[in-house]
Amino acid sequence: MAGFMVLQVWREMAVENADGCLYPVSASEENDTPLGEERWFAQYSAPGYMDCTDTVWGETAREALGACWALFGDDQDPSERSEYAACLWEARKLDRKGA
């Protein structure tokens, strides 16, 4: 994914769909159930485009990034491993602040 796709993480209110999957409220649909709680979400996206991977969630920023990396990351690409490491470092700070 390195190159034009960027790994990102953010915290947002969560909703649950009929299948029991969690999503950010910004991606929710009419029949989704608001949880009233925030979760960490992560995805790879192409800045300036609508291209993105599925969104994954976690209880912490690092957990969400790890789940996204496990699904979509390329551990054979040195530049992508470097980007993931930098994101984890920043997520560590976010988790400490409880942002």
N, C-alpha and C. Protein backbone atom coordinates (compact mmCIF):
# COMPACT_ATOMS: atom_id res chain seq x y z
N MET A 1 0.81 -1.20 0.00
CA MET A 1 0.00 0.00 0.00
C MET A 1 0.85 1.26 0.00
N ALA A 2 2.11 1.12 0.32
CA ALA A 2 2.98 2.30 0.38
C ALA A 2 2.97 3.01 -0.97
N GLY A 3 3.28 4.24 -0.94
CA GLY A 3 3.27 5.02 -2.16
C GLY A 3 2.10 5.97 -2.14
N PHE A 4 0.96 5.53 -2.65
CA PHE A 4 -0.16 6.46 -2.70
C PHE A 4 -1.18 6.24 -1.59
N MET A 5 -1.14 5.11 -0.91
CA MET A 5 -2.06 4.87 0.21
C MET A 5 -1.37 5.21 1.52
N VAL A 6 -2.09 5.88 2.40
CA VAL A 6 -1.54 6.35 3.67
C VAL A 6 -2.29 5.67 4.81
N LEU A 7 -1.55 5.17 5.79
CA LEU A 7 -2.16 4.55 6.97
C LEU A 7 -2.57 5.66 7.94
N GLN A 8 -3.81 5.63 8.39
CA GLN A 8 -4.28 6.66 9.31
C GLN A 8 -5.09 6.04 10.43
N VAL A 9 -5.13 6.73 11.56
CA VAL A 9 -5.89 6.27 12.71
C VAL A 9 -6.62 7.47 13.32
N TRP A 10 -7.82 7.25 13.82
CA TRP A 10 -8.58 8.34 14.43
C TRP A 10 -9.58 7.73 15.44
N ARG A 11 -10.08 8.59 16.31
CA ARG A 11 -11.05 8.19 17.33
C ARG A 11 -12.38 8.85 17.01
N GLU A 12 -13.44 8.07 17.10
CA GLU A 12 -14.76 8.57 16.72
C GLU A 12 -15.84 7.73 17.41
N MET A 13 -17.04 8.28 17.53
CA MET A 13 -18.17 7.53 18.06
C MET A 13 -18.42 6.33 17.14
N ALA A 14 -18.81 5.21 17.75
CA ALA A 14 -19.02 3.97 17.00
C ALA A 14 -20.50 3.63 16.89
N VAL A 15 -20.83 2.94 15.81
CA VAL A 15 -22.16 2.39 15.62
C VAL A 15 -22.00 0.90 15.30
N GLU A 16 -23.07 0.15 15.51
CA GLU A 16 -23.07 -1.28 15.22
C GLU A 16 -24.14 -1.56 14.18
N ASN A 17 -23.78 -2.34 13.15
CA ASN A 17 -24.80 -2.67 12.15
C ASN A 17 -25.53 -3.95 12.54
N ALA A 18 -26.46 -4.38 11.72
CA ALA A 18 -27.28 -5.55 12.03
C ALA A 18 -26.45 -6.83 12.14
N ASP A 19 -25.29 -6.87 11.51
CA ASP A 19 -24.41 -8.04 11.57
C ASP A 19 -23.49 -8.02 12.79
N GLY A 20 -23.57 -6.96 13.59
CA GLY A 20 -22.73 -6.86 14.78
C GLY A 20 -21.37 -6.24 14.54
N CYS A 21 -21.14 -5.70 13.34
CA CYS A 21 -19.86 -5.07 13.01
C CYS A 21 -19.86 -3.61 13.48
N LEU A 22 -18.72 -3.15 13.97
CA LEU A 22 -18.58 -1.76 14.41
C LEU A 22 -18.03 -0.89 13.30
N TYR A 23 -18.56 0.32 13.20
CA TYR A 23 -18.13 1.30 12.20
C TYR A 23 -18.08 2.67 12.85
N PRO A 24 -17.32 3.60 12.25
CA PRO A 24 -17.38 4.98 12.74
C PRO A 24 -18.74 5.58 12.38
N VAL A 25 -19.22 6.47 13.20
CA VAL A 25 -20.52 7.07 12.96
C VAL A 25 -20.54 7.82 11.62
N SER A 26 -19.39 8.31 11.17
CA SER A 26 -19.33 9.03 9.89
C SER A 26 -19.62 8.11 8.70
N ALA A 27 -19.50 6.79 8.89
CA ALA A 27 -19.78 5.83 7.81
C ALA A 27 -21.06 5.05 8.08
N SER A 28 -21.85 5.51 9.03
CA SER A 28 -23.04 4.75 9.43
C SER A 28 -24.18 4.91 8.44
N GLU A 29 -25.11 3.97 8.54
CA GLU A 29 -26.32 4.00 7.72
C GLU A 29 -27.53 4.14 8.63
N GLU A 30 -28.67 4.30 8.04
CA GLU A 30 -29.89 4.61 8.78
C GLU A 30 -30.25 3.61 9.87
N ASN A 31 -30.05 2.32 9.63
CA ASN A 31 -30.49 1.30 10.59
C ASN A 31 -29.41 0.89 11.60
N ASP A 32 -28.26 1.53 11.59
CA ASP A 32 -27.19 1.20 12.52
C ASP A 32 -27.53 1.69 13.92
N THR A 33 -27.01 1.00 14.93
CA THR A 33 -27.29 1.32 16.32
C THR A 33 -26.13 2.08 16.93
N PRO A 34 -26.33 3.32 17.38
CA PRO A 34 -25.25 4.06 18.04
C PRO A 34 -24.86 3.37 19.34
N LEU A 35 -23.57 3.26 19.61
CA LEU A 35 -23.10 2.63 20.84
C LEU A 35 -22.94 3.63 21.98
N GLY A 36 -22.84 4.90 21.65
CA GLY A 36 -22.62 5.91 22.67
C GLY A 36 -21.21 5.87 23.24
N GLU A 37 -20.30 5.20 22.54
CA GLU A 37 -18.91 5.08 22.97
C GLU A 37 -17.99 5.36 21.79
N GLU A 38 -16.81 5.89 22.09
CA GLU A 38 -15.81 6.11 21.06
C GLU A 38 -14.93 4.88 20.92
N ARG A 39 -14.45 4.65 19.72
CA ARG A 39 -13.49 3.59 19.42
C ARG A 39 -12.41 4.19 18.52
N TRP A 40 -11.29 3.50 18.45
CA TRP A 40 -10.23 3.88 17.52
C TRP A 40 -10.47 3.14 16.21
N PHE A 41 -10.32 3.84 15.10
CA PHE A 41 -10.50 3.26 13.77
C PHE A 41 -9.24 3.51 12.95
N ALA A 42 -8.94 2.61 12.03
CA ALA A 42 -7.77 2.76 11.16
C ALA A 42 -8.12 2.25 9.77
N GLN A 43 -7.44 2.83 8.78
CA GLN A 43 -7.59 2.40 7.39
C GLN A 43 -6.45 2.98 6.57
N TYR A 44 -6.22 2.39 5.43
CA TYR A 44 -5.34 2.98 4.43
C TYR A 44 -6.24 3.78 3.50
N SER A 45 -5.83 4.99 3.17
CA SER A 45 -6.61 5.78 2.22
C SER A 45 -5.68 6.54 1.29
N ALA A 46 -6.23 6.92 0.16
CA ALA A 46 -5.49 7.68 -0.84
C ALA A 46 -5.89 9.14 -0.70
N PRO A 47 -4.99 9.99 -0.19
CA PRO A 47 -5.33 11.41 0.00
C PRO A 47 -5.82 12.05 -1.31
N GLY A 48 -6.94 12.73 -1.21
CA GLY A 48 -7.50 13.41 -2.37
C GLY A 48 -8.38 12.52 -3.24
N TYR A 49 -8.50 11.24 -2.87
CA TYR A 49 -9.31 10.30 -3.64
C TYR A 49 -10.27 9.60 -2.69
N MET A 50 -11.22 8.89 -3.24
CA MET A 50 -12.16 8.15 -2.40
C MET A 50 -11.67 6.73 -2.12
N ASP A 51 -10.54 6.33 -2.72
CA ASP A 51 -10.01 4.99 -2.52
C ASP A 51 -9.58 4.79 -1.08
N CYS A 52 -10.02 3.69 -0.47
CA CYS A 52 -9.59 3.35 0.88
C CYS A 52 -9.89 1.87 1.13
N THR A 53 -9.20 1.33 2.12
CA THR A 53 -9.48 -0.04 2.53
C THR A 53 -10.69 -0.04 3.46
N ASP A 54 -11.12 -1.21 3.84
CA ASP A 54 -12.14 -1.31 4.87
C ASP A 54 -11.60 -0.69 6.15
N THR A 55 -12.48 -0.16 6.96
CA THR A 55 -12.10 0.44 8.23
C THR A 55 -12.11 -0.66 9.30
N VAL A 56 -11.06 -0.69 10.11
CA VAL A 56 -11.01 -1.63 11.23
C VAL A 56 -10.97 -0.83 12.52
N TRP A 57 -11.30 -1.47 13.64
CA TRP A 57 -11.38 -0.74 14.91
C TRP A 57 -10.57 -1.46 15.98
N GLY A 58 -10.32 -0.72 17.06
CA GLY A 58 -9.64 -1.27 18.21
C GLY A 58 -9.96 -0.45 19.44
N GLU A 59 -9.64 -1.00 20.60
CA GLU A 59 -9.84 -0.29 21.86
C GLU A 59 -8.78 0.80 22.05
N THR A 60 -7.61 0.62 21.43
CA THR A 60 -6.54 1.61 21.49
C THR A 60 -6.12 1.95 20.07
N ALA A 61 -5.41 3.05 19.92
CA ALA A 61 -4.92 3.44 18.59
C ALA A 61 -3.97 2.37 18.04
N ARG A 62 -3.09 1.86 18.90
CA ARG A 62 -2.14 0.84 18.44
C ARG A 62 -2.86 -0.45 18.03
N GLU A 63 -3.91 -0.81 18.75
CA GLU A 63 -4.67 -2.01 18.40
C GLU A 63 -5.34 -1.85 17.03
N ALA A 64 -5.92 -0.69 16.77
CA ALA A 64 -6.56 -0.43 15.48
C ALA A 64 -5.54 -0.45 14.35
N LEU A 65 -4.38 0.18 14.56
CA LEU A 65 -3.33 0.16 13.54
C LEU A 65 -2.84 -1.25 13.28
N GLY A 66 -2.65 -2.02 14.35
CA GLY A 66 -2.18 -3.39 14.20
C GLY A 66 -3.16 -4.25 13.40
N ALA A 67 -4.45 -4.06 13.66
CA ALA A 67 -5.46 -4.82 12.92
C ALA A 67 -5.46 -4.43 11.44
N CYS A 68 -5.31 -3.15 11.17
CA CYS A 68 -5.27 -2.68 9.78
C CYS A 68 -4.02 -3.21 9.07
N TRP A 69 -2.89 -3.14 9.75
CA TRP A 69 -1.62 -3.64 9.19
C TRP A 69 -1.73 -5.14 8.90
N ALA A 70 -2.32 -5.90 9.82
CA ALA A 70 -2.44 -7.35 9.65
C ALA A 70 -3.27 -7.70 8.41
N LEU A 71 -4.29 -6.90 8.14
CA LEU A 71 -5.15 -7.16 6.99
C LEU A 71 -4.58 -6.64 5.67
N PHE A 72 -3.99 -5.44 5.70
CA PHE A 72 -3.66 -4.78 4.44
C PHE A 72 -2.18 -4.41 4.27
N GLY A 73 -1.38 -4.54 5.31
CA GLY A 73 0.01 -4.13 5.24
C GLY A 73 0.87 -5.12 4.47
N ASP A 74 2.03 -4.64 4.02
CA ASP A 74 2.99 -5.46 3.29
C ASP A 74 4.30 -5.46 4.05
N ASP A 75 4.54 -6.52 4.83
CA ASP A 75 5.74 -6.55 5.65
C ASP A 75 7.01 -6.79 4.85
N GLN A 76 6.89 -7.02 3.55
CA GLN A 76 8.06 -7.18 2.69
C GLN A 76 8.55 -5.85 2.11
N ASP A 77 7.77 -4.81 2.25
CA ASP A 77 8.10 -3.50 1.70
C ASP A 77 8.72 -2.63 2.80
N PRO A 78 10.03 -2.33 2.70
CA PRO A 78 10.69 -1.55 3.75
C PRO A 78 10.06 -0.18 4.01
N SER A 79 9.62 0.50 2.96
CA SER A 79 9.02 1.83 3.16
C SER A 79 7.69 1.70 3.91
N GLU A 80 6.96 0.62 3.66
CA GLU A 80 5.69 0.44 4.36
C GLU A 80 5.92 0.06 5.82
N ARG A 81 6.92 -0.76 6.07
CA ARG A 81 7.26 -1.11 7.46
C ARG A 81 7.65 0.14 8.22
N SER A 82 8.40 1.03 7.55
CA SER A 82 8.82 2.28 8.18
C SER A 82 7.62 3.17 8.49
N GLU A 83 6.67 3.26 7.56
CA GLU A 83 5.47 4.06 7.78
C GLU A 83 4.67 3.48 8.95
N TYR A 84 4.54 2.17 9.00
CA TYR A 84 3.80 1.51 10.08
C TYR A 84 4.46 1.79 11.43
N ALA A 85 5.79 1.71 11.48
CA ALA A 85 6.52 1.99 12.72
C ALA A 85 6.29 3.43 13.18
N ALA A 86 6.32 4.37 12.23
CA ALA A 86 6.09 5.78 12.57
C ALA A 86 4.66 5.98 13.09
N CYS A 87 3.69 5.31 12.47
CA CYS A 87 2.29 5.41 12.93
C CYS A 87 2.14 4.83 14.33
N LEU A 88 2.81 3.70 14.59
CA LEU A 88 2.74 3.11 15.92
C LEU A 88 3.34 4.04 16.97
N TRP A 89 4.42 4.72 16.62
CA TRP A 89 5.05 5.65 17.55
C TRP A 89 4.08 6.79 17.89
N GLU A 90 3.43 7.34 16.89
CA GLU A 90 2.46 8.40 17.13
C GLU A 90 1.24 7.88 17.90
N ALA A 91 0.81 6.65 17.59
CA ALA A 91 -0.34 6.06 18.27
C ALA A 91 -0.04 5.85 19.75
N ARG A 92 1.21 5.55 20.06
CA ARG A 92 1.63 5.40 21.46
C ARG A 92 1.35 6.68 22.24
N LYS A 93 1.66 7.80 21.61
CA LYS A 93 1.40 9.09 22.25
C LYS A 93 -0.10 9.32 22.41
N LEU A 94 -0.89 8.97 21.39
CA LEU A 94 -2.35 9.14 21.46
C LEU A 94 -2.94 8.27 22.57
N ASP A 95 -2.46 7.04 22.66
CA ASP A 95 -2.98 6.14 23.70
C ASP A 95 -2.66 6.66 25.09
N ARG A 96 -1.49 7.25 25.25
CA ARG A 96 -1.09 7.80 26.56
C ARG A 96 -1.97 8.97 26.96
N LYS A 97 -2.31 9.81 25.96
CA LYS A 97 -3.14 10.97 26.24
C LYS A 97 -4.61 10.59 26.43
N GLY A 98 -4.99 9.43 25.86
CA GLY A 98 -6.39 9.04 25.93
C GLY A 98 -7.26 9.89 25.05
N ALA A 99 -6.64 10.42 24.00
CA ALA A 99 -7.35 11.36 23.11
C ALA A 99 -8.54 10.72 22.44
